[in-house]
Amino acid sequence: MAVKHIPTNEVHVGSKGGTTGCGTDTNKLSTHWENTNERVTCRKNGCN
């Protein structure tokens, strides 16, 4: 599954309510995150 950071439109590996592949906590400012089926756009280690 993928999770999208709404303010930046960046899509990461992971899901809302957890941690992204690159280590970002989606519980902090949870309103800025949404689950999505879009293609991952994050190029950081763990997401790419």
Protein backbone atom coordinates (compact mmCIF):
# COMPACT_ATOMS: atom_id res chain seq x y z
CA MET A 1 0.00 0.00 0.00
CA ALA A 2 1.02 3.61 -0.42
CA VAL A 3 0.40 6.72 1.64
CA LYS A 4 0.31 10.27 0.25
CA HIS A 5 1.60 13.38 2.02
CA ILE A 6 -1.09 15.88 1.01
CA PRO A 7 0.90 19.17 1.41
CA THR A 8 3.75 17.97 -0.84
CA ASN A 9 1.80 15.50 -3.03
CA GLU A 10 4.59 12.95 -2.41
CA VAL A 11 3.60 9.27 -2.28
CA HIS A 12 5.48 6.93 0.07
CA VAL A 13 5.52 3.18 0.78
CA GLY A 14 3.45 2.44 3.91
CA SER A 15 0.03 3.25 5.30
CA LYS A 16 -1.64 5.93 7.37
CA GLY A 17 -1.25 5.30 11.09
CA GLY A 18 2.25 3.85 10.85
CA THR A 19 5.65 4.60 9.40
CA THR A 20 6.60 5.13 5.75
CA GLY A 21 9.33 3.10 4.06
CA CYS A 22 11.76 5.99 4.54
CA GLY A 23 10.94 6.29 8.23
CA THR A 24 8.44 9.15 8.45
CA ASP A 25 5.82 8.77 11.22
CA THR A 26 2.35 9.27 9.70
CA ASN A 27 0.79 9.61 13.16
CA LYS A 28 2.36 13.05 13.54
CA LEU A 29 0.05 15.52 11.76
CA SER A 30 -2.15 12.62 10.67
CA THR A 31 -4.47 14.99 8.77
CA HIS A 32 -1.61 15.54 6.28
CA TRP A 33 -1.65 11.86 5.21
CA GLU A 34 -4.06 9.68 3.22
CA ASN A 35 -3.92 6.09 1.95
CA THR A 36 -3.75 5.88 -1.84
CA ASN A 37 -3.26 3.52 -4.76
CA GLU A 38 -1.03 5.99 -6.61
CA ARG A 39 2.49 5.14 -7.72
CA VAL A 40 5.24 5.81 -5.14
CA THR A 41 7.12 9.05 -5.91
CA CYS A 42 9.45 9.23 -2.89
CA ARG A 43 13.07 8.54 -3.87
CA LYS A 44 14.45 8.18 -0.34
CA ASN A 45 16.01 4.91 0.81
CA GLY A 46 13.23 2.52 1.86
CA CYS A 47 10.55 3.95 -0.42
CA ASN A 48 12.27 3.68 -3.81
